[in-house]
Amino acid sequence: MPACILGLVLYGVAFNAWAYSFQITWDAPTTREDGTELLLAEIDHYDLYADGELLAAVPGGDSTTQADLSPGQHCFAMKTVDTDGRESVFSNEVCKDLPSDANPNSVTIEITIIP
């Protein structure tokens, strides 16, 4: 199964008073859980979870997705799924407060997720 070693960065842009559209980016894992090499071409998709719920299934060639989230605390984790359908274990869960009072063009929240 592929290892899920990810760094996430969230960029927020307000689209109404109660929610923001956040851009989530990460670095693709390069090794499997057993330590063997994982090529980018072997990654089918990533499953991104927020607050325990599947937020998005992102194609393996991508390393970014948009998510509409309300301000407040959200917890994120990911799995990597290879082209044979094998899933990694969950990365660690990282919780961040998404601000509601910041200038939306300056909101940057960095999240680092490791297995």
N, C-alpha and C. Protein backbone atom coordinates (compact mmCIF):
# COMPACT_ATOMS: atom_id res chain seq x y z
N MET A 1 0.83 -1.18 0.00
CA MET A 1 0.00 0.00 0.00
C MET A 1 0.88 1.24 0.00
N PRO A 2 0.45 2.29 -0.70
CA PRO A 2 1.27 3.49 -0.74
C PRO A 2 1.26 4.23 0.58
N ALA A 3 2.39 4.80 0.91
CA ALA A 3 2.47 5.62 2.11
C ALA A 3 1.82 6.96 1.83
N CYS A 4 1.34 7.58 2.85
CA CYS A 4 0.68 8.87 2.69
C CYS A 4 1.45 9.90 3.50
N ILE A 5 2.45 10.49 2.87
CA ILE A 5 3.25 11.53 3.50
C ILE A 5 2.92 12.81 2.77
N LEU A 6 2.20 13.69 3.41
CA LEU A 6 1.67 14.84 2.71
C LEU A 6 1.89 16.12 3.48
N GLY A 7 2.10 17.18 2.75
CA GLY A 7 2.08 18.52 3.32
C GLY A 7 0.92 19.26 2.67
N LEU A 8 0.05 19.85 3.44
CA LEU A 8 -1.11 20.55 2.90
C LEU A 8 -0.99 22.03 3.19
N VAL A 9 -1.42 22.84 2.23
CA VAL A 9 -1.50 24.27 2.42
C VAL A 9 -2.90 24.69 1.99
N LEU A 10 -3.58 25.46 2.83
CA LEU A 10 -4.92 25.94 2.51
C LEU A 10 -4.85 27.43 2.24
N TYR A 11 -5.43 27.86 1.13
CA TYR A 11 -5.55 29.27 0.80
C TYR A 11 -7.03 29.60 0.76
N GLY A 12 -7.46 30.61 1.48
CA GLY A 12 -8.89 30.90 1.58
C GLY A 12 -9.30 32.13 0.80
N VAL A 13 -10.48 32.03 0.17
CA VAL A 13 -11.09 33.14 -0.52
C VAL A 13 -12.56 33.15 -0.12
N ALA A 14 -13.06 34.26 0.39
CA ALA A 14 -14.45 34.31 0.83
C ALA A 14 -15.40 34.32 -0.35
N PHE A 15 -16.50 33.56 -0.25
CA PHE A 15 -17.54 33.65 -1.27
C PHE A 15 -18.87 34.02 -0.67
N ASN A 16 -19.02 34.01 0.63
CA ASN A 16 -20.16 34.62 1.32
C ASN A 16 -19.77 34.79 2.78
N ALA A 17 -20.68 35.26 3.59
CA ALA A 17 -20.34 35.58 4.98
C ALA A 17 -20.12 34.35 5.85
N TRP A 18 -20.55 33.17 5.42
CA TRP A 18 -20.51 32.01 6.29
C TRP A 18 -19.57 30.91 5.82
N ALA A 19 -19.02 31.00 4.64
CA ALA A 19 -18.15 29.94 4.15
C ALA A 19 -17.05 30.51 3.27
N TYR A 20 -16.00 29.76 3.17
CA TYR A 20 -14.86 30.14 2.34
C TYR A 20 -14.54 29.00 1.41
N SER A 21 -13.97 29.34 0.27
CA SER A 21 -13.46 28.34 -0.64
C SER A 21 -11.95 28.26 -0.40
N PHE A 22 -11.49 27.10 0.05
CA PHE A 22 -10.08 26.92 0.37
C PHE A 22 -9.41 26.05 -0.68
N GLN A 23 -8.24 26.47 -1.11
CA GLN A 23 -7.43 25.66 -1.99
C GLN A 23 -6.52 24.81 -1.13
N ILE A 24 -6.57 23.50 -1.32
CA ILE A 24 -5.78 22.57 -0.53
C ILE A 24 -4.73 21.95 -1.45
N THR A 25 -3.48 22.06 -1.07
CA THR A 25 -2.40 21.49 -1.87
C THR A 25 -1.54 20.58 -1.01
N TRP A 26 -0.84 19.64 -1.65
CA TRP A 26 0.01 18.69 -0.92
C TRP A 26 1.11 18.19 -1.83
N ASP A 27 2.08 17.53 -1.23
CA ASP A 27 3.17 16.88 -1.96
C ASP A 27 2.85 15.40 -2.09
N ALA A 28 3.03 14.86 -3.28
CA ALA A 28 2.76 13.44 -3.51
C ALA A 28 3.75 12.58 -2.72
N PRO A 29 3.28 11.47 -2.15
CA PRO A 29 4.22 10.56 -1.48
C PRO A 29 5.14 9.91 -2.51
N THR A 30 6.34 9.58 -2.08
CA THR A 30 7.32 8.97 -2.99
C THR A 30 7.68 7.54 -2.58
N THR A 31 7.17 7.09 -1.43
CA THR A 31 7.44 5.73 -0.97
C THR A 31 6.14 5.09 -0.48
N ARG A 32 6.14 3.78 -0.55
CA ARG A 32 5.02 3.00 -0.01
C ARG A 32 5.28 2.75 1.48
N GLU A 33 4.29 2.21 2.16
CA GLU A 33 4.43 1.94 3.59
C GLU A 33 5.58 0.99 3.90
N ASP A 34 5.90 0.09 2.94
CA ASP A 34 7.00 -0.85 3.16
C ASP A 34 8.36 -0.26 2.81
N GLY A 35 8.39 1.03 2.40
CA GLY A 35 9.64 1.70 2.10
C GLY A 35 10.04 1.64 0.64
N THR A 36 9.34 0.88 -0.20
CA THR A 36 9.68 0.82 -1.61
C THR A 36 9.20 2.08 -2.33
N GLU A 37 9.82 2.35 -3.46
CA GLU A 37 9.51 3.55 -4.23
C GLU A 37 8.07 3.53 -4.75
N LEU A 38 7.43 4.69 -4.72
CA LEU A 38 6.11 4.88 -5.29
C LEU A 38 6.22 5.96 -6.36
N LEU A 39 6.01 5.58 -7.61
CA LEU A 39 6.08 6.53 -8.71
C LEU A 39 4.77 7.29 -8.82
N LEU A 40 4.83 8.53 -9.27
CA LEU A 40 3.63 9.34 -9.44
C LEU A 40 2.63 8.64 -10.36
N ALA A 41 3.12 7.95 -11.39
CA ALA A 41 2.24 7.25 -12.33
C ALA A 41 1.49 6.08 -11.66
N GLU A 42 1.95 5.65 -10.50
CA GLU A 42 1.30 4.55 -9.78
C GLU A 42 0.19 5.03 -8.84
N ILE A 43 0.03 6.34 -8.71
CA ILE A 43 -1.01 6.89 -7.82
C ILE A 43 -2.27 7.12 -8.64
N ASP A 44 -3.33 6.42 -8.28
CA ASP A 44 -4.61 6.59 -8.97
C ASP A 44 -5.32 7.84 -8.48
N HIS A 45 -5.45 7.98 -7.16
CA HIS A 45 -6.09 9.16 -6.60
C HIS A 45 -5.78 9.28 -5.11
N TYR A 46 -6.16 10.43 -4.59
CA TYR A 46 -6.05 10.72 -3.17
C TYR A 46 -7.46 10.89 -2.61
N ASP A 47 -7.72 10.35 -1.45
CA ASP A 47 -8.97 10.59 -0.74
C ASP A 47 -8.68 11.60 0.36
N LEU A 48 -9.28 12.76 0.26
CA LEU A 48 -9.12 13.82 1.25
C LEU A 48 -10.33 13.82 2.17
N TYR A 49 -10.07 13.77 3.46
CA TYR A 49 -11.12 13.75 4.47
C TYR A 49 -11.05 15.02 5.29
N ALA A 50 -12.22 15.56 5.61
CA ALA A 50 -12.34 16.70 6.52
C ALA A 50 -13.38 16.32 7.56
N ASP A 51 -13.00 16.40 8.81
CA ASP A 51 -13.91 16.09 9.91
C ASP A 51 -14.47 14.68 9.82
N GLY A 52 -13.63 13.73 9.36
CA GLY A 52 -14.02 12.33 9.29
C GLY A 52 -14.85 11.94 8.09
N GLU A 53 -15.19 12.90 7.24
CA GLU A 53 -16.01 12.63 6.06
C GLU A 53 -15.17 12.82 4.80
N LEU A 54 -15.42 11.98 3.80
CA LEU A 54 -14.71 12.14 2.53
C LEU A 54 -15.10 13.47 1.91
N LEU A 55 -14.12 14.32 1.70
CA LEU A 55 -14.35 15.63 1.13
C LEU A 55 -14.18 15.60 -0.39
N ALA A 56 -13.16 14.86 -0.86
CA ALA A 56 -12.88 14.81 -2.29
C ALA A 56 -12.01 13.62 -2.61
N ALA A 57 -12.23 13.07 -3.81
CA ALA A 57 -11.32 12.08 -4.39
C ALA A 57 -10.62 12.82 -5.53
N VAL A 58 -9.33 13.03 -5.37
CA VAL A 58 -8.57 13.88 -6.29
C VAL A 58 -7.68 12.99 -7.17
N PRO A 59 -7.73 13.15 -8.50
CA PRO A 59 -6.90 12.33 -9.39
C PRO A 59 -5.42 12.37 -9.00
N GLY A 60 -4.74 11.25 -9.22
CA GLY A 60 -3.35 11.10 -8.80
C GLY A 60 -2.38 12.09 -9.40
N GLY A 61 -2.65 12.59 -10.58
CA GLY A 61 -1.75 13.57 -11.19
C GLY A 61 -1.89 14.96 -10.60
N ASP A 62 -2.92 15.17 -9.80
CA ASP A 62 -3.16 16.48 -9.20
C ASP A 62 -2.58 16.52 -7.79
N SER A 63 -2.29 17.72 -7.35
CA SER A 63 -1.85 17.89 -5.96
C SER A 63 -2.54 19.10 -5.34
N THR A 64 -3.75 19.37 -5.84
CA THR A 64 -4.54 20.48 -5.31
C THR A 64 -6.02 20.22 -5.54
N THR A 65 -6.85 20.78 -4.69
CA THR A 65 -8.29 20.72 -4.86
C THR A 65 -8.93 21.91 -4.15
N GLN A 66 -10.12 22.27 -4.55
CA GLN A 66 -10.88 23.34 -3.91
C GLN A 66 -11.88 22.72 -2.94
N ALA A 67 -12.08 23.34 -1.80
CA ALA A 67 -13.05 22.86 -0.82
C ALA A 67 -13.79 24.05 -0.23
N ASP A 68 -15.10 23.96 -0.18
CA ASP A 68 -15.92 24.99 0.45
C ASP A 68 -16.16 24.58 1.90
N LEU A 69 -15.62 25.36 2.82
CA LEU A 69 -15.71 25.04 4.24
C LEU A 69 -16.13 26.28 5.02
N SER A 70 -16.88 26.07 6.06
CA SER A 70 -17.26 27.17 6.93
C SER A 70 -16.08 27.51 7.84
N PRO A 71 -16.02 28.74 8.31
CA PRO A 71 -14.99 29.08 9.28
C PRO A 71 -15.15 28.22 10.54
N GLY A 72 -14.07 28.06 11.26
CA GLY A 72 -14.08 27.25 12.47
C GLY A 72 -13.06 26.14 12.36
N GLN A 73 -13.03 25.27 13.35
CA GLN A 73 -12.04 24.19 13.35
C GLN A 73 -12.46 23.05 12.44
N HIS A 74 -11.51 22.60 11.62
CA HIS A 74 -11.69 21.44 10.75
C HIS A 74 -10.46 20.55 10.88
N CYS A 75 -10.69 19.24 10.81
CA CYS A 75 -9.60 18.27 10.92
C CYS A 75 -9.46 17.54 9.59
N PHE A 76 -8.22 17.41 9.12
CA PHE A 76 -7.94 16.87 7.80
C PHE A 76 -7.05 15.63 7.89
N ALA A 77 -7.29 14.69 6.97
CA ALA A 77 -6.45 13.51 6.81
C ALA A 77 -6.58 13.05 5.36
N MET A 78 -5.62 12.25 4.91
CA MET A 78 -5.65 11.76 3.53
C MET A 78 -5.26 10.30 3.46
N LYS A 79 -5.69 9.67 2.37
CA LYS A 79 -5.23 8.34 1.97
C LYS A 79 -4.76 8.44 0.53
N THR A 80 -3.79 7.62 0.18
CA THR A 80 -3.35 7.50 -1.21
C THR A 80 -3.84 6.16 -1.72
N VAL A 81 -4.39 6.14 -2.94
CA VAL A 81 -4.87 4.89 -3.55
C VAL A 81 -4.06 4.68 -4.83
N ASP A 82 -3.42 3.49 -4.95
CA ASP A 82 -2.60 3.24 -6.13
C ASP A 82 -3.44 2.69 -7.28
N THR A 83 -2.80 2.50 -8.43
CA THR A 83 -3.51 2.06 -9.63
C THR A 83 -4.01 0.63 -9.53
N ASP A 84 -3.57 -0.13 -8.54
CA ASP A 84 -4.08 -1.48 -8.29
C ASP A 84 -5.22 -1.45 -7.28
N GLY A 85 -5.62 -0.27 -6.82
CA GLY A 85 -6.72 -0.14 -5.88
C GLY A 85 -6.32 -0.29 -4.42
N ARG A 86 -5.03 -0.39 -4.14
CA ARG A 86 -4.58 -0.52 -2.74
C ARG A 86 -4.54 0.85 -2.09
N GLU A 87 -5.12 0.93 -0.88
CA GLU A 87 -5.17 2.18 -0.12
C GLU A 87 -4.08 2.21 0.94
N SER A 88 -3.55 3.39 1.15
CA SER A 88 -2.64 3.57 2.28
C SER A 88 -3.48 3.64 3.54
N VAL A 89 -2.81 3.58 4.66
CA VAL A 89 -3.47 3.88 5.92
C VAL A 89 -3.72 5.38 5.93
N PHE A 90 -4.56 5.84 6.85
CA PHE A 90 -4.76 7.27 6.99
C PHE A 90 -3.48 7.94 7.42
N SER A 91 -3.26 9.12 6.89
CA SER A 91 -2.22 9.97 7.43
C SER A 91 -2.67 10.37 8.83
N ASN A 92 -1.78 11.03 9.55
CA ASN A 92 -2.24 11.58 10.83
C ASN A 92 -3.27 12.66 10.55
N GLU A 93 -4.11 12.92 11.53
CA GLU A 93 -5.12 13.96 11.39
C GLU A 93 -4.57 15.26 11.94
N VAL A 94 -4.77 16.33 11.18
CA VAL A 94 -4.32 17.65 11.59
C VAL A 94 -5.52 18.57 11.64
N CYS A 95 -5.69 19.26 12.75
CA CYS A 95 -6.83 20.17 12.91
C CYS A 95 -6.34 21.61 12.86
N LYS A 96 -7.10 22.43 12.16
CA LYS A 96 -6.77 23.85 12.04
C LYS A 96 -8.04 24.67 12.16
N ASP A 97 -7.89 25.88 12.69
CA ASP A 97 -8.99 26.83 12.74
C ASP A 97 -8.97 27.64 11.46
N LEU A 98 -10.06 27.60 10.72
CA LEU A 98 -10.19 28.41 9.51
C LEU A 98 -10.84 29.73 9.92
N PRO A 99 -10.15 30.84 9.71
CA PRO A 99 -10.61 32.11 10.25
C PRO A 99 -11.82 32.67 9.49
N SER A 100 -12.60 33.45 10.22
CA SER A 100 -13.73 34.13 9.60
C SER A 100 -13.53 35.64 9.59
N ASP A 101 -12.53 36.12 10.31
CA ASP A 101 -12.37 37.57 10.45
C ASP A 101 -11.15 38.12 9.70
N ALA A 102 -10.42 37.28 9.00
CA ALA A 102 -9.24 37.75 8.27
C ALA A 102 -9.63 38.22 6.87
N ASN A 103 -8.80 39.06 6.31
CA ASN A 103 -8.98 39.43 4.92
C ASN A 103 -8.85 38.15 4.10
N PRO A 104 -9.89 37.75 3.35
CA PRO A 104 -9.86 36.46 2.68
C PRO A 104 -8.72 36.28 1.68
N ASN A 105 -8.20 37.38 1.16
CA ASN A 105 -7.09 37.25 0.22
C ASN A 105 -5.76 37.00 0.91
N SER A 106 -5.75 37.11 2.25
CA SER A 106 -4.49 36.90 2.96
C SER A 106 -4.51 35.65 3.84
N VAL A 107 -5.58 34.87 3.76
CA VAL A 107 -5.70 33.69 4.61
C VAL A 107 -4.82 32.58 4.04
N THR A 108 -3.85 32.14 4.81
CA THR A 108 -3.02 31.01 4.45
C THR A 108 -2.89 30.14 5.69
N ILE A 109 -3.30 28.90 5.57
CA ILE A 109 -3.22 27.97 6.69
C ILE A 109 -2.38 26.79 6.24
N GLU A 110 -1.28 26.54 6.90
CA GLU A 110 -0.41 25.43 6.52
C GLU A 110 -0.70 24.22 7.39
N ILE A 111 -0.85 23.08 6.75
CA ILE A 111 -1.10 21.82 7.43
C ILE A 111 -0.10 20.80 6.93
N THR A 112 0.61 20.15 7.83
CA THR A 112 1.52 19.09 7.44
C THR A 112 0.96 17.77 7.95
N ILE A 113 0.76 16.84 7.05
CA ILE A 113 0.22 15.53 7.41
C ILE A 113 1.28 14.49 7.12
N ILE A 114 1.59 13.65 8.11
CA ILE A 114 2.56 12.56 7.94
C ILE A 114 1.92 11.27 8.43
N PRO A 115 2.42 10.13 7.99
CA PRO A 115 1.81 8.88 8.41
C PRO A 115 2.04 8.59 9.88
